[in-house]
Protein backbone atom coordinates (compact mmCIF):
# COMPACT_ATOMS: atom_id res chain seq x y z
CA UNK A 1 -26.19 -25.34 -74.44
CA UNK A 2 -22.69 -25.73 -72.90
CA UNK A 3 -21.60 -24.45 -69.56
CA UNK A 4 -19.25 -21.96 -71.21
CA UNK A 5 -22.26 -20.03 -72.53
CA UNK A 6 -23.70 -19.42 -69.07
CA UNK A 7 -23.47 -15.87 -67.82
CA UNK A 8 -21.64 -15.05 -64.55
CA UNK A 9 -24.86 -14.58 -62.48
CA UNK A 10 -25.96 -18.07 -63.52
CA UNK A 11 -22.60 -19.51 -62.50
CA UNK A 12 -22.88 -17.78 -59.11
CA UNK A 13 -26.36 -19.22 -58.66
CA UNK A 14 -25.08 -22.71 -59.36
CA UNK A 15 -22.19 -22.33 -56.91
CA UNK A 16 -24.01 -20.54 -54.09
CA UNK A 17 -27.68 -21.32 -54.55
CA UNK A 18 -30.47 -18.78 -54.94
CA UNK A 19 -31.06 -18.36 -51.19
CA UNK A 20 -27.44 -18.62 -50.06
CA UNK A 21 -25.08 -15.69 -49.54
CA UNK A 22 -21.55 -16.19 -50.80
CA UNK A 23 -18.29 -14.26 -50.98
CA UNK A 24 -17.47 -12.91 -54.44
CA UNK A 25 -13.73 -13.10 -55.21
CA UNK A 26 -14.03 -10.10 -57.55
CA UNK A 27 -14.61 -7.56 -54.76
CA UNK A 28 -11.61 -5.31 -54.17
CA UNK A 29 -11.34 -3.90 -50.64
CA UNK A 30 -9.34 -1.01 -49.24
CA UNK A 31 -8.87 0.73 -45.88
CA UNK A 32 -7.48 4.27 -45.86
CA UNK A 33 -6.43 5.63 -42.45
CA UNK A 34 -7.27 9.33 -42.50
CA UNK A 35 -6.07 9.90 -38.92
CA UNK A 36 -5.42 7.98 -35.71
CA UNK A 37 -9.18 7.92 -35.05
CA UNK A 38 -10.72 7.62 -38.53
CA UNK A 39 -10.46 5.15 -41.39
CA UNK A 40 -12.44 4.98 -44.65
CA UNK A 41 -13.39 1.51 -45.89
CA UNK A 42 -14.23 0.87 -49.53
CA UNK A 43 -15.35 -2.13 -51.60
CA UNK A 44 -15.39 -2.26 -55.41
CA UNK A 45 -17.45 -4.89 -57.24
CA UNK A 46 -15.72 -5.50 -60.56
CA UNK A 47 -18.47 -7.70 -62.02
CA UNK A 48 -20.64 -5.34 -64.08
CA UNK A 49 -23.12 -8.04 -65.10
CA UNK A 50 -24.56 -8.25 -61.55
CA UNK A 51 -27.48 -5.94 -60.89
CA UNK A 52 -26.90 -4.08 -57.60
CA UNK A 53 -30.05 -3.00 -55.75
CA UNK A 54 -28.35 -1.68 -52.61
CA UNK A 55 -25.48 -1.88 -50.12
CA UNK A 56 -25.14 -3.11 -46.56
CA UNK A 57 -22.28 -2.66 -44.03
CA UNK A 58 -22.02 -4.98 -41.05
CA UNK A 59 -19.76 -5.55 -38.07
CA UNK A 60 -20.29 -9.08 -36.90
CA UNK A 61 -24.06 -9.59 -37.14
CA UNK A 62 -24.87 -5.92 -36.48
CA UNK A 63 -26.03 -3.86 -39.48
CA UNK A 64 -24.22 -0.51 -39.46
CA UNK A 65 -25.56 1.00 -42.67
CA UNK A 66 -27.91 0.06 -45.50
CA UNK A 67 -28.96 1.93 -48.63
CA UNK A 68 -30.50 1.43 -52.08
CA UNK A 69 -27.60 2.82 -54.08
CA UNK A 70 -26.95 0.86 -57.31
CA UNK A 71 -23.27 1.77 -57.56
CA UNK A 72 -20.58 -0.92 -57.76
CA UNK A 73 -18.55 0.99 -55.15
CA UNK A 74 -19.51 1.32 -51.48
CA UNK A 75 -17.71 3.16 -48.66
CA UNK A 76 -18.01 3.49 -44.89
CA UNK A 77 -16.33 5.81 -42.38
CA UNK A 78 -15.11 4.12 -39.20
CA UNK A 79 -14.59 6.42 -36.21
CA UNK A 80 -13.68 5.80 -32.61
CA UNK A 81 -10.24 4.36 -33.28
CA UNK A 82 -8.17 2.95 -31.77
CA UNK A 83 -10.75 1.69 -29.25
CA UNK A 84 -13.94 -0.09 -30.27
CA UNK A 85 -13.56 0.90 -33.93
CA UNK A 86 -11.17 -1.90 -34.81
CA UNK A 87 -12.47 -5.27 -35.96
CA UNK A 88 -13.81 -7.09 -39.00
CA UNK A 89 -16.31 -5.24 -41.20
CA UNK A 90 -18.33 -6.80 -44.00
CA UNK A 91 -19.37 -5.00 -47.19
CA UNK A 92 -22.36 -6.65 -48.83
CA UNK A 93 -23.71 -5.89 -52.30
CA UNK A 94 -27.44 -6.61 -52.55
CA UNK A 95 -27.48 -8.62 -55.76
CA UNK A 96 -28.86 -12.00 -56.77
CA UNK A 97 -27.37 -13.69 -54.85
CA UNK A 98 -25.89 -11.22 -52.34
CA UNK A 99 -22.09 -11.05 -52.46
CA UNK A 100 -19.85 -9.88 -49.65
CA UNK A 101 -16.29 -9.40 -48.52
CA UNK A 102 -14.60 -8.85 -45.13
CA UNK A 103 -12.45 -5.77 -44.49
CA UNK A 104 -10.12 -5.74 -41.49
CA UNK A 105 -9.47 -2.64 -39.39
CA UNK A 106 -6.37 -3.49 -37.37
CA UNK A 107 -4.72 -1.62 -34.50
CA UNK A 108 -2.19 -2.39 -31.77
CA UNK A 109 -3.75 -3.57 -28.48
CA UNK A 110 -5.79 -1.03 -26.52
CA UNK A 111 -5.85 -2.31 -22.95
CA UNK A 112 -8.54 -1.34 -20.44
CA UNK A 113 -8.74 -2.13 -16.74
CA UNK A 114 -12.09 -2.97 -15.19
CA UNK A 115 -11.31 -0.60 -12.28
CA UNK A 116 -8.58 2.05 -12.13
CA UNK A 117 -8.19 1.42 -8.41
CA UNK A 118 -8.76 -2.00 -6.86
CA UNK A 119 -9.12 -2.74 -3.14
CA UNK A 120 -8.30 -5.87 -1.18
CA UNK A 121 -8.42 -6.89 2.47
CA UNK A 122 -5.27 -8.00 4.22
CA UNK A 123 -5.05 -11.79 4.23
CA UNK A 124 -7.64 -12.22 1.45
CA UNK A 125 -7.12 -12.79 -2.30
CA UNK A 126 -6.74 -9.72 -4.52
CA UNK A 127 -8.07 -9.86 -8.09
CA UNK A 128 -6.85 -7.53 -10.88
CA UNK A 129 -8.40 -7.70 -14.38
CA UNK A 130 -7.47 -6.20 -17.76
CA UNK A 131 -9.05 -6.69 -21.17
CA UNK A 132 -8.59 -5.67 -24.79
CA UNK A 133 -11.24 -5.70 -27.52
CA UNK A 134 -8.85 -4.58 -30.27
CA UNK A 135 -8.33 -6.42 -33.54
CA UNK A 136 -6.28 -8.49 -34.27
CA UNK A 137 -6.64 -10.48 -31.03
CA UNK A 138 -4.04 -10.40 -28.28
CA UNK A 139 -1.43 -13.15 -28.57
CA UNK A 140 0.42 -12.57 -25.30
CA UNK A 141 -0.25 -10.98 -21.88
CA UNK A 142 2.31 -9.87 -19.25
CA UNK A 143 2.04 -8.43 -15.72
CA UNK A 144 4.47 -6.17 -13.86
CA UNK A 145 4.77 -4.69 -10.34
CA UNK A 146 5.73 -1.01 -10.49
CA UNK A 147 7.31 0.04 -7.19
CA UNK A 148 9.29 3.21 -6.37
CA UNK A 149 12.50 1.21 -6.61
CA UNK A 150 12.06 -1.08 -9.62
CA UNK A 151 9.78 -2.85 -12.11
CA UNK A 152 9.31 -6.55 -11.41
CA UNK A 153 7.97 -9.11 -13.87
CA UNK A 154 5.19 -11.34 -12.49
CA UNK A 155 4.94 -14.88 -13.76
CA UNK A 156 3.02 -17.97 -12.74
CA UNK A 157 6.28 -19.53 -11.61
CA UNK A 158 7.76 -16.47 -9.91
CA UNK A 159 5.83 -16.97 -6.66
CA UNK A 160 3.19 -19.28 -5.21
CA UNK A 161 1.17 -16.19 -4.30
CA UNK A 162 0.64 -15.07 -7.92
CA UNK A 163 -1.64 -16.85 -10.40
CA UNK A 164 -2.23 -15.46 -13.91
CA UNK A 165 -5.04 -16.70 -16.16
CA UNK A 166 -5.26 -15.23 -19.67
CA UNK A 167 -7.96 -16.15 -22.18
CA UNK A 168 -7.79 -14.25 -25.45
CA UNK A 169 -8.95 -10.70 -24.83
CA UNK A 170 -8.81 -10.87 -20.99
CA UNK A 171 -6.21 -11.50 -18.31
CA UNK A 172 -6.67 -11.93 -14.53
CA UNK A 173 -4.00 -11.66 -11.84
CA UNK A 174 -4.79 -13.24 -8.44
CA UNK A 175 -2.71 -12.37 -5.38
CA UNK A 176 -3.26 -14.78 -2.49
CA UNK A 177 -2.77 -13.86 1.18
CA UNK A 178 -2.54 -10.13 0.45
CA UNK A 179 0.07 -8.28 2.53
CA UNK A 180 -0.45 -4.59 3.28
CA UNK A 181 3.31 -3.92 3.21
CA UNK A 182 4.31 -5.91 0.10
CA UNK A 183 1.30 -5.85 -2.23
CA UNK A 184 0.08 -2.25 -2.08
CA UNK A 185 1.61 -1.11 -5.39
CA UNK A 186 0.87 -0.17 -8.99
CA UNK A 187 0.44 -3.09 -11.39
CA UNK A 188 0.82 -2.91 -15.17
CA UNK A 189 -0.85 -5.33 -17.61
CA UNK A 190 0.64 -5.43 -21.13
CA UNK A 191 -0.93 -6.98 -24.23
CA UNK A 192 0.82 -7.87 -27.51
CA UNK A 193 -0.54 -8.63 -30.98
CA UNK A 194 1.02 -8.69 -34.44
CA UNK A 195 0.95 -4.87 -34.67
CA UNK A 196 2.53 -3.95 -31.35
CA UNK A 197 2.08 -3.69 -27.60
CA UNK A 198 -0.22 -1.73 -25.29
CA UNK A 199 -0.78 -1.60 -21.55
CA UNK A 200 -2.57 -0.06 -18.61
CA UNK A 201 -1.94 0.62 -14.90
CA UNK A 202 -4.02 -0.50 -11.90
CA UNK A 203 -3.57 0.96 -8.41
CA UNK A 204 -4.00 -1.78 -5.80
CA UNK A 205 -4.86 -0.65 -2.26
CA UNK A 206 -4.87 -3.01 0.73
CA UNK A 207 -7.13 -2.48 3.74
CA UNK A 208 -6.10 -3.47 7.25
CA UNK A 209 -7.67 -6.47 9.00
CA UNK A 210 -9.36 -4.06 11.42
CA UNK A 211 -11.04 -2.11 8.61
CA UNK A 212 -14.24 -4.18 8.93
CA UNK A 213 -14.49 -3.32 12.65
CA UNK A 214 -14.60 0.44 12.17
CA UNK A 215 -18.36 0.63 11.36
CA UNK A 216 -19.18 -1.43 14.48
CA UNK A 217 -16.90 0.69 16.66
CA UNK A 218 -18.56 3.80 15.27
CA UNK A 219 -22.01 2.57 16.28
CA UNK A 220 -20.76 1.69 19.80
CA UNK A 221 -19.25 5.16 20.12
CA UNK A 222 -22.52 6.83 19.15
CA UNK A 223 -24.42 4.81 21.77
CA UNK A 224 -21.88 5.74 24.48
CA UNK A 225 -22.13 9.43 23.63
CA UNK A 226 -25.95 9.32 23.70
CA UNK A 227 -26.04 7.59 27.10
CA UNK A 228 -23.52 10.10 28.50
CA UNK A 229 -25.63 13.06 27.33
CA UNK A 230 -28.76 11.63 28.95
CA UNK A 231 -26.90 10.99 32.21
CA UNK A 232 -25.47 14.52 32.33
CA UNK A 233 -28.88 16.02 31.57
CA UNK A 234 -30.51 14.12 34.43
CA UNK A 235 -27.75 15.18 36.83
CA UNK A 236 -28.05 18.85 35.92
CA UNK A 237 -31.79 19.25 36.12
CA UNK A 238 -32.76 22.62 37.66
CA UNK A 239 -33.44 22.55 41.43
CA UNK A 240 -36.65 24.49 40.84
CA UNK A 241 -38.01 21.66 38.77
CA UNK A 242 -37.22 19.22 41.58
CA UNK A 243 -38.84 21.53 44.23
CA UNK A 244 -41.92 22.01 42.11
CA UNK A 245 -42.28 18.30 41.82
CA UNK A 246 -41.89 17.89 45.59
CA UNK A 247 -44.41 20.71 46.34
CA UNK A 248 -46.92 19.15 43.99
CA UNK A 249 -46.55 15.82 45.72
CA UNK A 250 -46.91 17.46 49.19
CA UNK A 251 -50.00 19.38 48.15
CA UNK A 252 -51.57 16.24 46.83
CA UNK A 253 -50.90 14.47 50.15
CA UNK A 254 -52.40 17.36 52.16
CA UNK A 255 -55.45 17.42 49.98
CA UNK A 256 -56.00 13.72 50.41
CA UNK A 257 -55.48 14.05 54.21
CA UNK A 258 -58.06 16.85 54.54
CA UNK A 259 -60.58 14.90 52.56
CA UNK A 260 -60.10 11.88 54.78
CA UNK A 261 -60.57 13.97 57.96
CA UNK A 262 -63.83 15.44 56.68
CA UNK A 263 -65.15 11.99 55.89
CA UNK A 264 -64.21 10.81 59.37
CA UNK A 265 -66.03 13.71 61.10
CA UNK A 266 -69.13 13.10 59.03
CA UNK A 267 -69.21 9.47 60.07
CA UNK A 268 -68.82 10.35 63.78
CA UNK A 269 -71.63 12.86 63.73
CA UNK A 270 -73.90 10.26 62.19
């Protein structure tokens, strides 16, 4: 029997192997954006000779949904856009062998700072970080200083004090020898991909060199106050308390003196 008489499932088995998943070129995909936060994904398997026993939706290696529907069309609602909802989704028809196709959900960069307000000590190195998990990946990062007077572009060559390291979805700005007068500003990190640009703002606050001494000075102050209170208390003790103490001591001496005299008389009489 010639190869031309083989059915399509048999051809797929020869190409992919019985235990190997492959991508079927006859799957039509579509992504319909219902709103800024919701998109409906759909996949249509045009090969009617394949027996479908179920569907599976994945994002990366994570299974998002699985069913036993035998339809040649499968859909999935993506929510949470434009943040973590973007990315590459896979629609998989459970056939023999399984066939799948990737559907892209693309948005412009959504930039997030690790901390809305960063702190640095005067003279140390300040570190500002931004990241974007949007799809498609970021192709370019840029940093700016936003001061009351102007917006200044920061580049690796603009000053020896600034170092920028960007790796895909993350960018880090390092400011060496932080100055409380010059560097306490707002900083903007901008990301660009093929769909547009997005950014975020970080407030950078610089602490004085003496900031680390304040806790120690606070403890010293508490000790001084405590010693002063004890000293004042001892100085202002009531005179009656002092007299009572003196009378008690005098009575004890008299008592001891009388007892000694009695013992002496008893010895003499003997």
